[in-house]
N, C-alpha and C. Protein backbone atom coordinates (compact mmCIF):
# COMPACT_ATOMS: atom_id res chain seq x y z
N MET A 1 -6.73 40.35 8.96
CA MET A 1 -7.46 39.67 7.89
C MET A 1 -6.71 39.87 6.57
N LEU A 2 -6.68 38.84 5.75
CA LEU A 2 -5.98 38.91 4.47
C LEU A 2 -6.79 39.68 3.43
N LYS A 3 -6.08 40.45 2.61
CA LYS A 3 -6.73 41.14 1.50
C LYS A 3 -7.17 40.08 0.49
N PRO A 4 -8.20 40.35 -0.32
CA PRO A 4 -8.70 39.34 -1.27
C PRO A 4 -7.61 38.73 -2.14
N LEU A 5 -6.70 39.53 -2.70
CA LEU A 5 -5.66 39.00 -3.57
C LEU A 5 -4.70 38.12 -2.76
N ASN A 6 -4.30 38.60 -1.59
CA ASN A 6 -3.40 37.81 -0.74
C ASN A 6 -4.05 36.52 -0.29
N LYS A 7 -5.36 36.58 -0.07
CA LYS A 7 -6.10 35.38 0.33
C LYS A 7 -6.01 34.31 -0.75
N TYR A 8 -6.18 34.71 -2.01
CA TYR A 8 -6.09 33.74 -3.12
C TYR A 8 -4.68 33.22 -3.30
N ILE A 9 -3.69 34.08 -3.12
CA ILE A 9 -2.30 33.63 -3.22
C ILE A 9 -2.02 32.62 -2.11
N PHE A 10 -2.47 32.93 -0.90
CA PHE A 10 -2.29 32.02 0.23
C PHE A 10 -2.95 30.67 -0.06
N LEU A 11 -4.18 30.70 -0.54
CA LEU A 11 -4.89 29.45 -0.87
C LEU A 11 -4.18 28.67 -1.96
N ALA A 12 -3.65 29.38 -2.95
CA ALA A 12 -2.92 28.72 -4.04
C ALA A 12 -1.67 28.04 -3.52
N VAL A 13 -0.93 28.74 -2.65
CA VAL A 13 0.30 28.17 -2.09
C VAL A 13 -0.03 26.94 -1.25
N ILE A 14 -1.05 27.02 -0.43
CA ILE A 14 -1.45 25.89 0.39
C ILE A 14 -1.90 24.71 -0.49
N SER A 15 -2.65 25.00 -1.54
CA SER A 15 -3.11 23.95 -2.46
C SER A 15 -1.94 23.26 -3.12
N VAL A 16 -0.96 24.03 -3.57
CA VAL A 16 0.23 23.44 -4.21
C VAL A 16 0.97 22.58 -3.20
N PHE A 17 1.13 23.07 -1.98
CA PHE A 17 1.81 22.31 -0.94
C PHE A 17 1.10 20.99 -0.68
N LEU A 18 -0.22 21.04 -0.50
CA LEU A 18 -0.99 19.83 -0.23
C LEU A 18 -0.94 18.87 -1.40
N PHE A 19 -1.02 19.40 -2.64
CA PHE A 19 -0.95 18.55 -3.82
C PHE A 19 0.42 17.90 -3.91
N ALA A 20 1.47 18.67 -3.70
CA ALA A 20 2.84 18.14 -3.78
C ALA A 20 3.06 17.07 -2.72
N THR A 21 2.51 17.29 -1.53
CA THR A 21 2.65 16.30 -0.47
C THR A 21 1.92 15.02 -0.84
N ALA A 22 0.73 15.15 -1.41
CA ALA A 22 -0.04 13.97 -1.81
C ALA A 22 0.67 13.22 -2.92
N VAL A 23 1.24 13.95 -3.87
CA VAL A 23 1.92 13.31 -4.99
C VAL A 23 3.14 12.54 -4.51
N SER A 24 3.93 13.15 -3.64
CA SER A 24 5.15 12.50 -3.19
C SER A 24 4.86 11.36 -2.22
N ALA A 25 3.62 11.28 -1.73
CA ALA A 25 3.26 10.24 -0.79
C ALA A 25 2.95 8.91 -1.47
N HIS A 26 2.87 8.89 -2.79
CA HIS A 26 2.58 7.64 -3.49
C HIS A 26 3.69 6.63 -3.27
N ASP A 27 3.28 5.43 -2.98
CA ASP A 27 4.22 4.34 -2.80
C ASP A 27 3.99 3.35 -3.94
N PHE A 28 4.89 3.38 -4.89
CA PHE A 28 4.76 2.49 -6.05
C PHE A 28 5.60 1.22 -5.88
N SER A 29 6.10 0.97 -4.68
CA SER A 29 6.97 -0.19 -4.45
C SER A 29 6.24 -1.51 -4.66
N LYS A 30 4.92 -1.52 -4.50
CA LYS A 30 4.15 -2.75 -4.67
C LYS A 30 3.51 -2.85 -6.05
N VAL A 31 3.98 -2.03 -6.98
CA VAL A 31 3.49 -2.05 -8.36
C VAL A 31 4.59 -2.66 -9.22
N PRO A 32 4.30 -3.70 -9.98
CA PRO A 32 3.01 -4.37 -10.16
C PRO A 32 2.68 -5.26 -8.96
N GLU A 33 1.40 -5.43 -8.73
CA GLU A 33 0.93 -6.26 -7.62
C GLU A 33 0.96 -7.72 -8.03
N LYS A 34 1.71 -8.53 -7.30
CA LYS A 34 1.75 -9.97 -7.60
C LYS A 34 0.40 -10.58 -7.25
N GLY A 35 -0.02 -11.52 -8.09
CA GLY A 35 -1.31 -12.16 -7.90
C GLY A 35 -2.42 -11.49 -8.68
N ARG A 36 -2.10 -10.38 -9.36
CA ARG A 36 -3.11 -9.66 -10.13
C ARG A 36 -2.47 -9.08 -11.39
N VAL A 37 -3.14 -9.24 -12.51
CA VAL A 37 -2.68 -8.61 -13.75
C VAL A 37 -2.66 -7.10 -13.54
N THR A 38 -1.58 -6.47 -14.00
CA THR A 38 -1.43 -5.03 -13.81
C THR A 38 -0.99 -4.37 -15.11
N MET A 39 -1.62 -3.25 -15.41
CA MET A 39 -1.17 -2.40 -16.52
C MET A 39 -0.72 -1.09 -15.91
N ILE A 40 0.51 -0.69 -16.22
CA ILE A 40 1.02 0.59 -15.74
C ILE A 40 1.16 1.50 -16.95
N ASP A 41 0.63 2.70 -16.82
CA ASP A 41 0.83 3.73 -17.83
C ASP A 41 1.76 4.76 -17.22
N LEU A 42 2.94 4.90 -17.78
CA LEU A 42 3.92 5.86 -17.30
C LEU A 42 3.93 7.03 -18.24
N GLY A 43 3.61 8.20 -17.70
CA GLY A 43 3.51 9.39 -18.53
C GLY A 43 3.60 10.63 -17.68
N ALA A 44 2.89 11.66 -18.08
CA ALA A 44 2.85 12.92 -17.33
C ALA A 44 1.51 13.58 -17.57
N LYS A 45 1.03 14.26 -16.56
CA LYS A 45 -0.28 14.91 -16.66
C LYS A 45 -0.30 16.01 -17.71
N LYS A 46 0.87 16.54 -18.07
CA LYS A 46 0.93 17.64 -19.04
C LYS A 46 1.30 17.18 -20.45
N CYS A 47 1.53 15.91 -20.65
CA CYS A 47 1.88 15.36 -21.96
C CYS A 47 0.57 15.15 -22.75
N ILE A 48 0.54 15.60 -24.00
CA ILE A 48 -0.69 15.56 -24.81
C ILE A 48 -1.23 14.13 -24.99
N PRO A 49 -0.41 13.16 -25.46
CA PRO A 49 -0.97 11.81 -25.60
C PRO A 49 -1.41 11.23 -24.26
N CYS A 50 -0.70 11.60 -23.19
CA CYS A 50 -1.08 11.14 -21.85
C CYS A 50 -2.44 11.70 -21.45
N LYS A 51 -2.68 12.97 -21.76
CA LYS A 51 -3.97 13.59 -21.48
C LYS A 51 -5.08 12.89 -22.27
N MET A 52 -4.77 12.48 -23.49
CA MET A 52 -5.76 11.79 -24.31
C MET A 52 -6.10 10.42 -23.72
N MET A 53 -5.12 9.80 -23.06
CA MET A 53 -5.34 8.48 -22.48
C MET A 53 -6.04 8.53 -21.13
N ALA A 54 -5.97 9.66 -20.45
CA ALA A 54 -6.49 9.77 -19.07
C ALA A 54 -7.94 9.30 -18.94
N PRO A 55 -8.88 9.74 -19.79
CA PRO A 55 -10.26 9.27 -19.62
C PRO A 55 -10.41 7.77 -19.92
N ILE A 56 -9.61 7.26 -20.81
CA ILE A 56 -9.64 5.82 -21.12
C ILE A 56 -9.20 5.03 -19.89
N LEU A 57 -8.09 5.47 -19.28
CA LEU A 57 -7.57 4.78 -18.10
C LEU A 57 -8.56 4.86 -16.94
N ALA A 58 -9.18 6.01 -16.76
CA ALA A 58 -10.16 6.17 -15.68
C ALA A 58 -11.33 5.21 -15.89
N LYS A 59 -11.80 5.13 -17.12
CA LYS A 59 -12.91 4.23 -17.45
C LYS A 59 -12.53 2.77 -17.20
N LEU A 60 -11.34 2.37 -17.68
CA LEU A 60 -10.92 0.98 -17.53
C LEU A 60 -10.57 0.63 -16.09
N GLU A 61 -10.07 1.59 -15.35
CA GLU A 61 -9.78 1.34 -13.94
C GLU A 61 -11.06 0.95 -13.21
N LYS A 62 -12.16 1.63 -13.50
CA LYS A 62 -13.46 1.29 -12.90
C LYS A 62 -13.96 -0.04 -13.43
N ALA A 63 -13.82 -0.24 -14.74
CA ALA A 63 -14.35 -1.45 -15.38
C ALA A 63 -13.62 -2.71 -14.91
N TYR A 64 -12.34 -2.60 -14.61
CA TYR A 64 -11.55 -3.76 -14.17
C TYR A 64 -11.41 -3.84 -12.66
N ASP A 65 -12.10 -2.99 -11.93
CA ASP A 65 -12.00 -2.97 -10.48
C ASP A 65 -12.26 -4.37 -9.91
N GLY A 66 -11.32 -4.85 -9.12
CA GLY A 66 -11.45 -6.18 -8.53
C GLY A 66 -10.93 -7.30 -9.41
N LYS A 67 -10.65 -6.99 -10.68
CA LYS A 67 -10.17 -8.01 -11.62
C LYS A 67 -8.71 -7.79 -12.01
N ALA A 68 -8.30 -6.54 -12.15
CA ALA A 68 -6.95 -6.19 -12.58
C ALA A 68 -6.65 -4.77 -12.11
N ASN A 69 -5.38 -4.44 -12.09
CA ASN A 69 -4.97 -3.09 -11.68
C ASN A 69 -4.59 -2.26 -12.90
N ILE A 70 -5.10 -1.05 -12.95
CA ILE A 70 -4.71 -0.07 -13.96
C ILE A 70 -4.08 1.08 -13.16
N VAL A 71 -2.79 1.34 -13.40
CA VAL A 71 -2.06 2.32 -12.59
C VAL A 71 -1.44 3.37 -13.50
N PHE A 72 -1.63 4.64 -13.15
CA PHE A 72 -0.96 5.74 -13.86
C PHE A 72 0.13 6.28 -12.96
N ILE A 73 1.33 6.43 -13.51
CA ILE A 73 2.45 7.03 -12.78
C ILE A 73 2.95 8.22 -13.57
N ASP A 74 2.89 9.39 -12.96
CA ASP A 74 3.44 10.60 -13.57
C ASP A 74 4.94 10.60 -13.29
N VAL A 75 5.73 10.35 -14.33
CA VAL A 75 7.18 10.23 -14.14
C VAL A 75 7.86 11.57 -13.94
N TRP A 76 7.18 12.66 -14.20
CA TRP A 76 7.75 13.98 -13.91
C TRP A 76 7.61 14.28 -12.42
N GLU A 77 6.57 13.75 -11.80
CA GLU A 77 6.36 13.95 -10.37
C GLU A 77 6.99 12.83 -9.54
N ASN A 78 7.19 11.68 -10.13
CA ASN A 78 7.76 10.51 -9.46
C ASN A 78 8.98 10.04 -10.26
N ARG A 79 10.01 10.84 -10.22
CA ARG A 79 11.17 10.66 -11.11
C ARG A 79 11.90 9.34 -10.96
N LYS A 80 11.84 8.71 -9.83
CA LYS A 80 12.54 7.44 -9.61
C LYS A 80 11.89 6.29 -10.39
N GLN A 81 10.64 6.48 -10.81
CA GLN A 81 9.93 5.40 -11.49
C GLN A 81 10.36 5.23 -12.95
N ALA A 82 10.82 6.29 -13.60
CA ALA A 82 11.25 6.18 -15.00
C ALA A 82 12.43 5.23 -15.14
N PRO A 83 13.52 5.40 -14.38
CA PRO A 83 14.62 4.43 -14.51
C PRO A 83 14.23 3.04 -14.00
N ARG A 84 13.40 2.99 -12.98
CA ARG A 84 12.97 1.69 -12.45
C ARG A 84 12.30 0.84 -13.52
N PHE A 85 11.45 1.47 -14.33
CA PHE A 85 10.73 0.75 -15.38
C PHE A 85 11.39 0.90 -16.76
N LYS A 86 12.59 1.48 -16.79
CA LYS A 86 13.37 1.64 -18.03
C LYS A 86 12.58 2.39 -19.10
N ILE A 87 12.06 3.56 -18.72
CA ILE A 87 11.26 4.39 -19.62
C ILE A 87 12.17 5.27 -20.46
N ARG A 88 11.96 5.26 -21.76
CA ARG A 88 12.74 6.10 -22.68
C ARG A 88 11.89 7.21 -23.29
N ALA A 89 10.57 6.99 -23.32
CA ALA A 89 9.64 7.98 -23.88
C ALA A 89 8.30 7.80 -23.18
N ILE A 90 7.52 8.88 -23.18
CA ILE A 90 6.19 8.79 -22.59
C ILE A 90 5.14 9.14 -23.63
N PRO A 91 3.96 8.55 -23.49
CA PRO A 91 3.60 7.54 -22.51
C PRO A 91 4.14 6.16 -22.90
N THR A 92 4.37 5.35 -21.88
CA THR A 92 4.72 3.95 -22.07
C THR A 92 3.78 3.12 -21.21
N GLN A 93 3.20 2.10 -21.81
CA GLN A 93 2.32 1.19 -21.08
C GLN A 93 3.03 -0.15 -20.94
N ILE A 94 3.01 -0.68 -19.73
CA ILE A 94 3.61 -1.99 -19.46
C ILE A 94 2.55 -2.88 -18.85
N PHE A 95 2.42 -4.07 -19.39
CA PHE A 95 1.47 -5.05 -18.90
C PHE A 95 2.24 -6.15 -18.17
N PHE A 96 1.76 -6.51 -16.99
CA PHE A 96 2.39 -7.54 -16.16
C PHE A 96 1.39 -8.65 -15.91
N ASN A 97 1.88 -9.90 -15.95
CA ASN A 97 1.00 -11.03 -15.64
C ASN A 97 0.84 -11.14 -14.12
N GLU A 98 0.13 -12.16 -13.68
CA GLU A 98 -0.14 -12.34 -12.26
C GLU A 98 1.11 -12.63 -11.44
N LYS A 99 2.17 -13.08 -12.11
CA LYS A 99 3.44 -13.33 -11.41
C LYS A 99 4.28 -12.07 -11.27
N GLY A 100 3.79 -10.97 -11.84
CA GLY A 100 4.54 -9.72 -11.78
C GLY A 100 5.59 -9.60 -12.87
N GLU A 101 5.49 -10.46 -13.88
CA GLU A 101 6.45 -10.45 -14.99
C GLU A 101 5.93 -9.58 -16.13
N GLU A 102 6.82 -8.76 -16.68
CA GLU A 102 6.43 -7.94 -17.83
C GLU A 102 6.19 -8.86 -19.02
N VAL A 103 5.03 -8.68 -19.67
CA VAL A 103 4.70 -9.51 -20.82
C VAL A 103 4.47 -8.70 -22.09
N TYR A 104 4.25 -7.39 -21.94
CA TYR A 104 4.02 -6.55 -23.12
C TYR A 104 4.32 -5.11 -22.76
N ARG A 105 4.93 -4.40 -23.73
CA ARG A 105 5.27 -2.99 -23.55
C ARG A 105 4.91 -2.25 -24.84
N HIS A 106 4.34 -1.06 -24.66
CA HIS A 106 3.98 -0.23 -25.81
C HIS A 106 4.39 1.21 -25.50
N VAL A 107 4.92 1.91 -26.50
CA VAL A 107 5.30 3.31 -26.34
C VAL A 107 4.40 4.16 -27.22
N GLY A 108 3.81 5.20 -26.64
CA GLY A 108 2.92 6.10 -27.36
C GLY A 108 1.48 5.91 -26.92
N PHE A 109 0.59 6.63 -27.56
CA PHE A 109 -0.83 6.53 -27.25
C PHE A 109 -1.32 5.10 -27.51
N LEU A 110 -2.10 4.56 -26.59
CA LEU A 110 -2.67 3.22 -26.74
C LEU A 110 -4.17 3.33 -26.53
N ASP A 111 -4.94 2.94 -27.54
CA ASP A 111 -6.39 3.10 -27.47
C ASP A 111 -7.03 2.04 -26.58
N GLU A 112 -8.28 2.30 -26.23
CA GLU A 112 -9.03 1.43 -25.33
C GLU A 112 -9.12 -0.01 -25.85
N LYS A 113 -9.40 -0.15 -27.13
CA LYS A 113 -9.53 -1.49 -27.72
C LYS A 113 -8.24 -2.29 -27.56
N SER A 114 -7.10 -1.65 -27.79
CA SER A 114 -5.81 -2.34 -27.68
C SER A 114 -5.50 -2.73 -26.24
N ILE A 115 -5.87 -1.88 -25.29
CA ILE A 115 -5.67 -2.21 -23.88
C ILE A 115 -6.51 -3.42 -23.50
N ILE A 116 -7.77 -3.41 -23.93
CA ILE A 116 -8.67 -4.53 -23.63
C ILE A 116 -8.15 -5.81 -24.26
N GLU A 117 -7.61 -5.74 -25.48
CA GLU A 117 -7.04 -6.92 -26.13
C GLU A 117 -5.89 -7.50 -25.31
N GLN A 118 -5.01 -6.65 -24.81
CA GLN A 118 -3.90 -7.13 -24.00
C GLN A 118 -4.39 -7.74 -22.69
N MET A 119 -5.36 -7.10 -22.06
CA MET A 119 -5.90 -7.63 -20.81
C MET A 119 -6.56 -8.99 -21.05
N THR A 120 -7.23 -9.12 -22.17
CA THR A 120 -7.88 -10.39 -22.53
C THR A 120 -6.83 -11.47 -22.74
N LYS A 121 -5.75 -11.14 -23.43
CA LYS A 121 -4.65 -12.11 -23.63
C LYS A 121 -4.07 -12.57 -22.30
N LEU A 122 -4.11 -11.70 -21.30
CA LEU A 122 -3.59 -12.05 -19.98
C LEU A 122 -4.62 -12.78 -19.12
N GLY A 123 -5.78 -13.07 -19.70
CA GLY A 123 -6.79 -13.86 -19.01
C GLY A 123 -7.77 -13.08 -18.15
N VAL A 124 -7.72 -11.76 -18.23
CA VAL A 124 -8.62 -10.94 -17.42
C VAL A 124 -10.01 -10.88 -18.03
N GLY A 125 -10.09 -10.93 -19.33
CA GLY A 125 -11.37 -10.83 -20.00
C GLY A 125 -11.77 -9.40 -20.26
N LYS A 126 -12.86 -9.26 -20.94
CA LYS A 126 -13.35 -7.91 -21.28
C LYS A 126 -14.00 -7.28 -20.06
N PRO A 127 -13.89 -5.96 -19.95
CA PRO A 127 -14.50 -5.30 -18.79
C PRO A 127 -16.01 -5.30 -18.88
N LEU A 128 -16.64 -5.19 -17.73
CA LEU A 128 -18.09 -5.10 -17.70
C LEU A 128 -18.54 -3.77 -18.24
N LYS A 129 -19.54 -3.76 -19.09
CA LYS A 129 -20.04 -2.53 -19.72
C LYS A 129 -20.57 -1.54 -18.70
N ASN A 130 -21.31 -2.03 -17.70
CA ASN A 130 -21.94 -1.12 -16.77
C ASN A 130 -20.98 -0.47 -15.79
N LYS A 131 -19.74 -0.93 -15.72
CA LYS A 131 -18.77 -0.34 -14.81
C LYS A 131 -17.98 0.77 -15.49
N GLY A 132 -17.88 0.77 -16.80
CA GLY A 132 -17.03 1.73 -17.48
C GLY A 132 -17.79 2.84 -17.96
């Protein structure tokens, strides 16, 4: 039987392994999704402006469910995505139209109102209040 301290170390190691496996399992090859407006936020979970945007993105992801895609990519965990999307600084938000063409790019913190404005310009409309 494991001692209490060793038990926690074992659980921590297993958790890190499982988390790392889940993170590396992401397939971003179909992002942006053609046929659907997509907003990608490229950042990192430990970046301060990215942390500030996380609850906004979570809210909008629910609010736009079925209407548009809101995708967060941690470029520190998914290093191939930064050069793919030509990222120079984080966070960077890229908006794609239904054809998968980039139509707008912003670097730095982007507030909820500005995201909704861009989505509206792309024809998605404002999100439903009860979903966000």
